[in-house]
Amino acid sequence: MIAAPRRGLRRLVTLVGLGVVVMGAGRRTFAEGSAAVVAVLAPHESRLADEIRRELESSRFEVLSAEVGVRRWQDAARQVDGGRLLRGVVVGQDDQTITVYTRQPSATTVQTRLVLSVDPADRMARRHAALSVVEFLHVLGQGALATLVDSDDAPAARGAGNPAKPGGIEPTRPAAPVPPGVEPVAPLPAVAPRPGWQIGAGTSFDVETNSGGPTSHLQFLGVIPFSAHIAFCVRAMWPLLAAQTRYNGSDVRAWTFGAAASLQYNFRTDRRLRPFLGAGVGTRLGLTEATSTTSLSQGGQTLTTSATLGVEGGVRYSLGPFLQVFLELGAARAFLIPPVDVVNYERAAANGEAAHAAVGLMFES
């Protein structure tokens, strides 16, 4: 008679204990799940952002990616997933900076928690930076979980006696500790990043005033930046198509080889579309060949040398972190260098104006 009530009491205690465990586990799961979703804001096809995503996913974070585009990253952080994500990672233009941010629930302020500078060409530096970001987000997640658990388990702390805010919530949260091996720096100013050196090639369509019909060249280019906006550009031109004309009963064909150097000003280096304008000097070597139309005999070949003064302008469009397509328009004036003991058509080909339109690809270091 007495054993039956004892067994019932033990069953009741067991059921109550299981309920407490399940409720605690559910509360911890909710807290961990809310902290495990991280936004990654980055430019299009960012290699550094891809490495950060892989490290986050391997550390059991859920990643929601968004492209920053032309917006300020703070605006993108407020809008991603309808403003529900409270922490994220921002990769700067050209993969040079990483910013970890947090937001308070139902608040528009974005707080910068960590800024790291990264060398995009150093693979180990990129990996170490990605691991540091993951570790720092783990620390932030643990701090958020502890805050939530403490607020749930200590209702006295939310009493009306706390004058900080209604409900006893503190107006500020202490900053999360910095993980070992990570050195935070102050947020960088919003300045245009300095691009790396570039090499490329393209084809051009050229029109010259004194050498007959249109011609075409293959251009090889190199750009060495001095600053975020000023760069030194060198180019070499190889003829693909000869300019043809007729002079005194002879068919004349002319090829031009050229080299030039110029200073360029890049208006925007932090956007995909990057207009530029430049001016420079160069030299041009002309090769002319005449063939008589009456005797079908081939005349001699003549070389001329000219100095050139020109301007160019155009746009470069970034297809990825290291690839650009460019469109360029230019004009130049050629001045024949003595001696001038050549016939008229040869002088005309070496002493006149020219215009060109070029398109091609540039690879950035």
Protein backbone atom coordinates (compact mmCIF):
# COMPACT_ATOMS: atom_id res chain seq x y z
CA MET A 1 0.00 0.00 0.00
CA ILE A 2 2.88 2.38 0.78
CA ALA A 3 5.07 1.31 -2.23
CA ALA A 4 2.53 2.52 -4.82
CA PRO A 5 2.52 6.20 -3.66
CA ARG A 6 6.32 6.18 -3.55
CA ARG A 7 6.54 4.92 -7.16
CA GLY A 8 4.07 7.60 -8.25
CA LEU A 9 6.10 10.29 -6.51
CA ARG A 10 9.29 9.13 -8.21
CA ARG A 11 7.57 9.22 -11.61
CA LEU A 12 6.33 12.75 -10.97
CA VAL A 13 9.81 13.94 -10.00
CA THR A 14 11.26 12.29 -13.13
CA LEU A 15 8.71 13.94 -15.42
CA VAL A 16 9.31 17.37 -13.88
CA GLY A 17 13.08 16.95 -14.29
CA LEU A 18 12.68 15.98 -17.96
CA GLY A 19 10.47 19.00 -18.56
CA VAL A 20 13.05 21.34 -17.05
CA VAL A 21 15.82 19.82 -19.20
CA VAL A 22 13.74 20.08 -22.38
CA MET A 23 12.80 23.71 -21.66
CA GLY A 24 16.43 24.63 -20.95
CA ALA A 25 17.63 22.88 -24.09
CA GLY A 26 14.99 24.64 -26.15
CA ARG A 27 16.00 28.00 -24.76
CA ARG A 28 19.70 27.38 -25.47
CA THR A 29 18.91 26.14 -29.00
CA PHE A 30 16.94 29.28 -29.74
CA ALA A 31 19.76 31.48 -28.49
CA GLU A 32 22.43 29.59 -30.41
CA GLY A 33 20.34 29.53 -33.58
CA SER A 34 19.79 33.28 -33.48
CA ALA A 35 23.55 33.84 -33.11
CA ALA A 36 24.58 31.34 -35.81
CA VAL A 37 23.28 33.31 -38.83
CA VAL A 38 25.88 35.74 -40.17
CA ALA A 39 25.63 38.15 -43.10
CA VAL A 40 28.57 38.41 -45.50
CA LEU A 41 28.55 41.65 -47.50
CA ALA A 42 31.12 41.81 -50.28
CA PRO A 43 31.78 43.06 -53.83
CA HIS A 44 30.94 40.87 -56.77
CA GLU A 45 33.15 37.75 -57.06
CA SER A 46 35.32 38.59 -54.06
CA ARG A 47 37.89 35.84 -53.45
CA LEU A 48 38.38 36.89 -49.83
CA ALA A 49 34.61 36.72 -49.22
CA ASP A 50 34.52 33.19 -50.64
CA GLU A 51 37.21 32.08 -48.19
CA ILE A 52 35.36 33.68 -45.27
CA ARG A 53 32.12 31.94 -46.28
CA ARG A 54 33.86 28.56 -46.42
CA GLU A 55 35.38 29.03 -42.97
CA LEU A 56 32.06 30.18 -41.51
CA GLU A 57 30.15 27.24 -42.97
CA SER A 58 32.78 24.77 -41.78
CA SER A 59 32.35 26.27 -38.29
CA ARG A 60 28.57 25.59 -38.42
CA PHE A 61 27.53 29.16 -39.11
CA GLU A 62 24.67 29.80 -41.48
CA VAL A 63 25.78 32.38 -44.05
CA LEU A 64 23.52 34.83 -45.86
CA SER A 65 25.45 36.59 -48.64
CA ALA A 66 24.63 39.97 -50.15
CA GLU A 67 26.39 42.23 -52.63
CA VAL A 68 27.26 45.72 -51.46
CA GLY A 69 27.23 47.31 -54.91
CA VAL A 70 27.17 51.09 -54.93
CA ARG A 71 25.55 51.34 -51.49
CA ARG A 72 27.34 52.14 -48.26
CA TRP A 73 27.92 48.89 -46.42
CA GLN A 74 26.11 50.29 -43.36
CA ASP A 75 22.95 50.68 -45.47
CA ALA A 76 23.34 47.15 -46.81
CA ALA A 77 23.76 45.82 -43.25
CA ARG A 78 20.45 47.39 -42.22
CA GLN A 79 18.59 45.97 -45.22
CA VAL A 80 19.95 42.42 -45.52
CA ASP A 81 17.26 39.81 -44.78
CA GLY A 82 14.79 42.56 -43.99
CA GLY A 83 16.99 43.93 -41.19
CA ARG A 84 16.69 40.79 -39.06
CA LEU A 85 20.40 39.85 -38.98
CA LEU A 86 22.27 41.46 -36.10
CA ARG A 87 25.87 40.58 -36.97
CA GLY A 88 27.87 40.27 -40.14
CA VAL A 89 31.13 40.60 -42.04
CA VAL A 90 31.93 43.22 -44.68
CA VAL A 91 34.70 42.74 -47.25
CA GLY A 92 35.97 46.03 -48.64
CA GLN A 93 36.65 46.89 -52.24
CA ASP A 94 39.66 45.08 -53.76
CA ASP A 95 39.68 42.60 -50.82
CA GLN A 96 41.86 44.86 -48.66
CA THR A 97 39.77 45.25 -45.48
CA ILE A 98 37.47 43.09 -43.35
CA THR A 99 34.94 44.65 -40.97
CA VAL A 100 32.90 42.76 -38.36
CA TYR A 101 29.77 44.62 -37.25
CA THR A 102 26.83 44.14 -34.91
CA ARG A 103 23.43 45.75 -34.53
CA GLN A 104 21.04 46.00 -31.63
CA PRO A 105 17.55 44.55 -32.16
CA SER A 106 15.08 47.11 -33.51
CA ALA A 107 17.86 49.69 -33.89
CA THR A 108 19.29 51.33 -36.99
CA THR A 109 22.77 51.96 -35.62
CA VAL A 110 25.52 49.70 -36.99
CA GLN A 111 28.43 49.21 -34.60
CA THR A 112 31.88 48.36 -35.95
CA ARG A 113 33.48 45.73 -33.72
CA LEU A 114 36.62 44.75 -35.59
CA VAL A 115 38.54 46.01 -38.66
CA LEU A 116 41.38 44.02 -40.21
CA SER A 117 43.70 45.00 -43.05
CA VAL A 118 44.54 42.18 -45.49
CA ASP A 119 47.03 41.80 -48.31
CA PRO A 120 44.85 40.32 -51.10
CA ALA A 121 47.88 38.78 -52.82
CA ASP A 122 49.00 36.83 -49.71
CA ARG A 123 47.09 33.54 -49.49
CA MET A 124 48.18 32.78 -45.92
CA ALA A 125 47.23 36.29 -44.78
CA ARG A 126 43.76 35.81 -46.27
CA ARG A 127 43.31 32.49 -44.50
CA HIS A 128 44.54 33.82 -41.15
CA ALA A 129 42.18 36.78 -41.46
CA ALA A 130 39.24 34.47 -42.24
CA LEU A 131 40.04 32.28 -39.22
CA SER A 132 40.34 35.35 -37.00
CA VAL A 133 36.94 36.58 -38.15
CA VAL A 134 35.35 33.19 -37.41
CA GLU A 135 36.92 33.09 -33.92
CA PHE A 136 35.80 36.64 -33.21
CA LEU A 137 32.23 35.81 -34.27
CA HIS A 138 32.31 32.79 -31.95
CA VAL A 139 33.29 35.10 -29.09
CA LEU A 140 30.49 37.50 -30.02
CA GLY A 141 28.02 34.61 -30.17
CA GLN A 142 29.06 33.35 -26.75
CA GLY A 143 28.68 36.83 -25.32
CA ALA A 144 25.20 37.17 -26.82
CA LEU A 145 24.20 33.72 -25.48
CA ALA A 146 25.44 34.56 -21.99
CA THR A 147 23.53 37.83 -22.05
CA LEU A 148 20.32 36.08 -23.12
CA VAL A 149 20.64 33.28 -20.55
CA ASP A 150 21.45 35.72 -17.77
CA SER A 151 18.44 37.86 -18.65
CA ASP A 152 16.18 34.76 -18.64
CA ASP A 153 17.54 33.26 -15.39
CA ALA A 154 17.73 36.48 -13.37
CA PRO A 155 14.37 38.24 -13.50
CA ALA A 156 15.34 40.42 -10.55
CA ALA A 157 17.84 42.20 -12.80
CA ARG A 158 14.93 43.41 -14.93
CA GLY A 159 13.14 45.10 -12.05
CA ALA A 160 11.84 48.61 -12.14
CA GLY A 161 14.61 49.71 -9.80
CA ASN A 162 17.14 49.79 -12.63
CA PRO A 163 17.06 53.35 -13.94
CA ALA A 164 19.07 52.65 -17.09
CA LYS A 165 16.08 51.89 -19.36
CA PRO A 166 12.52 50.62 -18.92
CA GLY A 167 12.67 46.92 -18.03
CA GLY A 168 16.18 47.19 -16.55
CA ILE A 169 18.04 46.68 -19.84
CA GLU A 170 21.41 48.33 -19.90
CA PRO A 171 21.83 51.01 -22.59
CA THR A 172 25.16 49.58 -23.79
CA ARG A 173 26.64 46.12 -24.00
CA PRO A 174 30.28 45.52 -23.07
CA ALA A 175 32.47 44.81 -26.04
CA ALA A 176 33.33 41.19 -26.70
CA PRO A 177 36.94 40.23 -25.94
CA VAL A 178 39.35 40.02 -28.83
CA PRO A 179 40.44 36.45 -29.62
CA PRO A 180 44.14 35.57 -29.40
CA GLY A 181 46.13 36.39 -32.50
CA VAL A 182 43.78 39.14 -33.73
CA GLU A 183 44.93 42.73 -33.56
CA PRO A 184 42.02 45.15 -33.99
CA VAL A 185 42.69 48.46 -35.61
CA ALA A 186 40.69 51.64 -35.80
CA PRO A 187 38.07 51.82 -38.58
CA LEU A 188 39.67 52.98 -41.80
CA PRO A 189 38.55 56.29 -43.34
CA ALA A 190 36.36 56.13 -46.41
CA VAL A 191 39.06 56.73 -49.00
CA ALA A 192 39.44 55.19 -52.43
CA PRO A 193 41.71 52.12 -52.34
CA ARG A 194 44.94 52.15 -54.27
CA PRO A 195 44.73 49.68 -57.17
CA GLY A 196 47.54 47.33 -58.11
CA TRP A 197 49.56 47.42 -61.29
CA GLN A 198 47.79 46.21 -64.42
CA ILE A 199 48.72 44.65 -67.74
CA GLY A 200 46.47 44.08 -70.71
CA ALA A 201 45.98 43.91 -74.43
CA GLY A 202 43.37 45.04 -76.90
CA THR A 203 42.63 45.87 -80.52
CA SER A 204 42.14 49.35 -81.93
CA PHE A 205 40.49 50.87 -84.98
CA ASP A 206 42.54 53.81 -86.25
CA VAL A 207 41.91 56.61 -88.72
CA GLU A 208 44.74 58.87 -89.94
CA THR A 209 44.20 62.06 -91.88
CA ASN A 210 47.12 61.80 -94.35
CA SER A 211 47.76 58.11 -94.91
CA GLY A 212 44.72 56.81 -96.73
CA GLY A 213 42.11 54.46 -95.33
CA PRO A 214 41.60 53.15 -91.82
CA THR A 215 43.97 50.75 -90.13
CA SER A 216 44.06 48.54 -87.04
CA HIS A 217 46.59 47.83 -84.31
CA LEU A 218 47.17 45.38 -81.51
CA GLN A 219 47.89 47.26 -78.29
CA PHE A 220 49.84 46.06 -75.27
CA LEU A 221 49.35 48.16 -72.13
CA GLY A 222 50.81 48.43 -68.66
CA VAL A 223 49.54 50.66 -65.85
CA ILE A 224 51.56 51.46 -62.72
CA PRO A 225 49.62 53.40 -60.06
CA PHE A 226 51.23 56.25 -58.14
CA SER A 227 48.20 56.81 -55.92
CA ALA A 228 44.51 55.96 -55.83
CA HIS A 229 43.87 58.32 -58.77
CA ILE A 230 47.18 58.96 -60.60
CA ALA A 231 48.80 56.25 -62.72
CA PHE A 232 51.58 55.91 -65.28
CA CYS A 233 50.58 54.09 -68.48
CA VAL A 234 52.87 52.66 -71.16
CA ARG A 235 51.74 51.09 -74.41
CA ALA A 236 53.11 49.52 -77.56
CA MET A 237 51.26 49.21 -80.89
CA TRP A 238 51.73 46.56 -83.54
CA PRO A 239 49.96 46.93 -86.91
CA LEU A 240 47.31 44.42 -87.86
CA LEU A 241 46.04 46.12 -91.00
CA ALA A 242 47.88 48.39 -93.44
CA ALA A 243 46.47 51.74 -94.53
CA GLN A 244 46.16 51.80 -98.32
CA THR A 245 45.99 54.71 -100.76
CA ARG A 246 46.97 55.58 -104.35
CA TYR A 247 49.58 58.19 -105.25
CA ASN A 248 50.88 59.13 -108.77
CA GLY A 249 49.78 55.83 -110.32
CA SER A 250 51.14 53.69 -107.50
CA ASP A 251 49.37 51.73 -104.80
CA VAL A 252 50.79 52.73 -101.44
CA ARG A 253 50.51 50.72 -98.25
CA ALA A 254 51.61 52.05 -94.89
CA TRP A 255 52.17 50.31 -91.54
CA THR A 256 52.82 52.14 -88.30
CA PHE A 257 54.55 50.86 -85.15
CA GLY A 258 54.29 52.94 -82.04
CA ALA A 259 55.15 53.33 -78.36
CA ALA A 260 53.82 55.91 -75.93
CA ALA A 261 53.78 56.86 -72.26
CA SER A 262 51.13 58.91 -70.50
CA LEU A 263 49.86 60.05 -67.13
CA GLN A 264 46.28 59.04 -66.38
CA TYR A 265 43.79 60.29 -63.84
CA ASN A 266 41.28 57.69 -62.58
CA PHE A 267 38.11 59.36 -61.35
CA ARG A 268 36.63 56.44 -59.35
CA THR A 269 38.65 53.45 -58.19
CA ASP A 270 36.06 52.18 -55.68
CA ARG A 271 33.38 51.40 -58.26
CA ARG A 272 33.06 48.81 -61.00
CA LEU A 273 32.81 51.50 -63.67
CA ARG A 274 36.05 53.49 -63.57
CA PRO A 275 36.43 56.41 -65.99
CA PHE A 276 39.89 57.79 -66.74
CA LEU A 277 41.57 60.57 -68.70
CA GLY A 278 45.20 60.89 -69.75
CA ALA A 279 47.78 62.72 -71.84
CA GLY A 280 51.24 61.73 -72.99
CA VAL A 281 53.99 61.59 -75.59
CA GLY A 282 55.38 58.86 -77.79
CA THR A 283 57.12 57.89 -80.97
CA ARG A 284 55.97 56.25 -84.17
CA LEU A 285 57.82 54.32 -86.86
CA GLY A 286 56.18 54.32 -90.30
CA LEU A 287 56.84 51.79 -93.02
CA THR A 288 55.54 52.65 -96.51
CA GLU A 289 55.62 50.52 -99.65
CA ALA A 290 54.67 51.62 -103.18
CA THR A 291 53.68 49.34 -106.09
CA SER A 292 53.25 50.75 -109.60
CA THR A 293 49.88 49.99 -111.20
CA THR A 294 51.22 50.37 -114.75
CA SER A 295 54.40 48.32 -114.71
CA LEU A 296 53.37 46.03 -111.85
CA SER A 297 56.79 46.57 -110.36
CA GLN A 298 57.22 46.87 -106.65
CA GLY A 299 58.81 50.06 -105.46
CA GLY A 300 61.10 50.56 -102.56
CA GLN A 301 60.24 50.70 -98.89
CA THR A 302 60.75 53.79 -96.78
CA LEU A 303 60.99 54.21 -93.00
CA THR A 304 59.98 57.41 -91.26
CA THR A 305 60.13 58.42 -87.63
CA SER A 306 57.68 60.71 -85.87
CA ALA A 307 57.13 62.13 -82.41
CA THR A 308 53.55 62.07 -81.14
CA LEU A 309 51.56 64.11 -78.66
CA GLY A 310 48.18 62.68 -77.68
CA VAL A 311 45.29 62.42 -75.26
CA GLU A 312 43.11 59.45 -74.31
CA GLY A 313 40.03 58.81 -72.24
CA GLY A 314 37.66 56.00 -71.54
CA VAL A 315 36.26 53.65 -68.94
CA ARG A 316 37.32 50.40 -67.32
CA TYR A 317 34.69 48.00 -66.00
CA SER A 318 35.60 45.48 -63.31
CA LEU A 319 34.43 41.96 -64.14
CA GLY A 320 36.01 40.52 -60.99
CA PRO A 321 38.71 41.19 -58.41
CA PHE A 322 41.50 40.89 -60.99
CA LEU A 323 39.87 41.29 -64.42
CA GLN A 324 38.69 44.44 -66.21
CA VAL A 325 37.42 45.26 -69.67
CA PHE A 326 38.31 48.68 -71.06
CA LEU A 327 37.03 51.00 -73.79
CA GLU A 328 39.30 53.83 -74.87
CA LEU A 329 39.09 56.75 -77.29
CA GLY A 330 42.16 58.78 -78.22
CA ALA A 331 43.62 61.34 -80.56
CA ALA A 332 47.25 62.16 -81.43
CA ARG A 333 49.30 64.55 -83.54
CA ALA A 334 52.41 63.21 -85.26
CA PHE A 335 55.43 65.43 -86.07
CA LEU A 336 57.94 64.18 -88.62
CA ILE A 337 61.48 64.04 -87.27
CA PRO A 338 64.24 65.21 -89.74
CA PRO A 339 65.69 64.30 -92.14
CA VAL A 340 62.76 65.08 -94.42
CA ASP A 341 64.19 63.97 -97.78
CA VAL A 342 61.14 61.83 -98.60
CA VAL A 343 58.36 62.17 -101.15
CA ASN A 344 55.04 63.70 -100.35
CA TYR A 345 53.00 60.63 -99.48
CA GLU A 346 55.65 59.39 -97.07
CA ARG A 347 55.77 62.77 -95.33
CA ALA A 348 51.98 62.84 -95.25
CA ALA A 349 51.84 59.46 -93.55
CA ALA A 350 54.36 60.56 -90.92
CA ASN A 351 53.09 64.09 -90.29
CA GLY A 352 49.39 64.31 -89.47
CA GLU A 353 46.56 63.63 -87.04
CA ALA A 354 45.17 60.28 -85.98
CA ALA A 355 42.26 59.01 -83.89
CA HIS A 356 41.65 55.58 -82.45
CA ALA A 357 39.07 53.53 -80.57
CA ALA A 358 40.31 50.52 -78.59
CA VAL A 359 38.72 47.71 -76.58
CA GLY A 360 40.44 44.97 -74.59
CA LEU A 361 41.09 43.26 -71.26
CA MET A 362 43.22 44.29 -68.29
CA PHE A 363 44.54 42.00 -65.56
CA GLU A 364 45.20 43.54 -62.14
CA SER A 365 47.75 42.27 -59.65
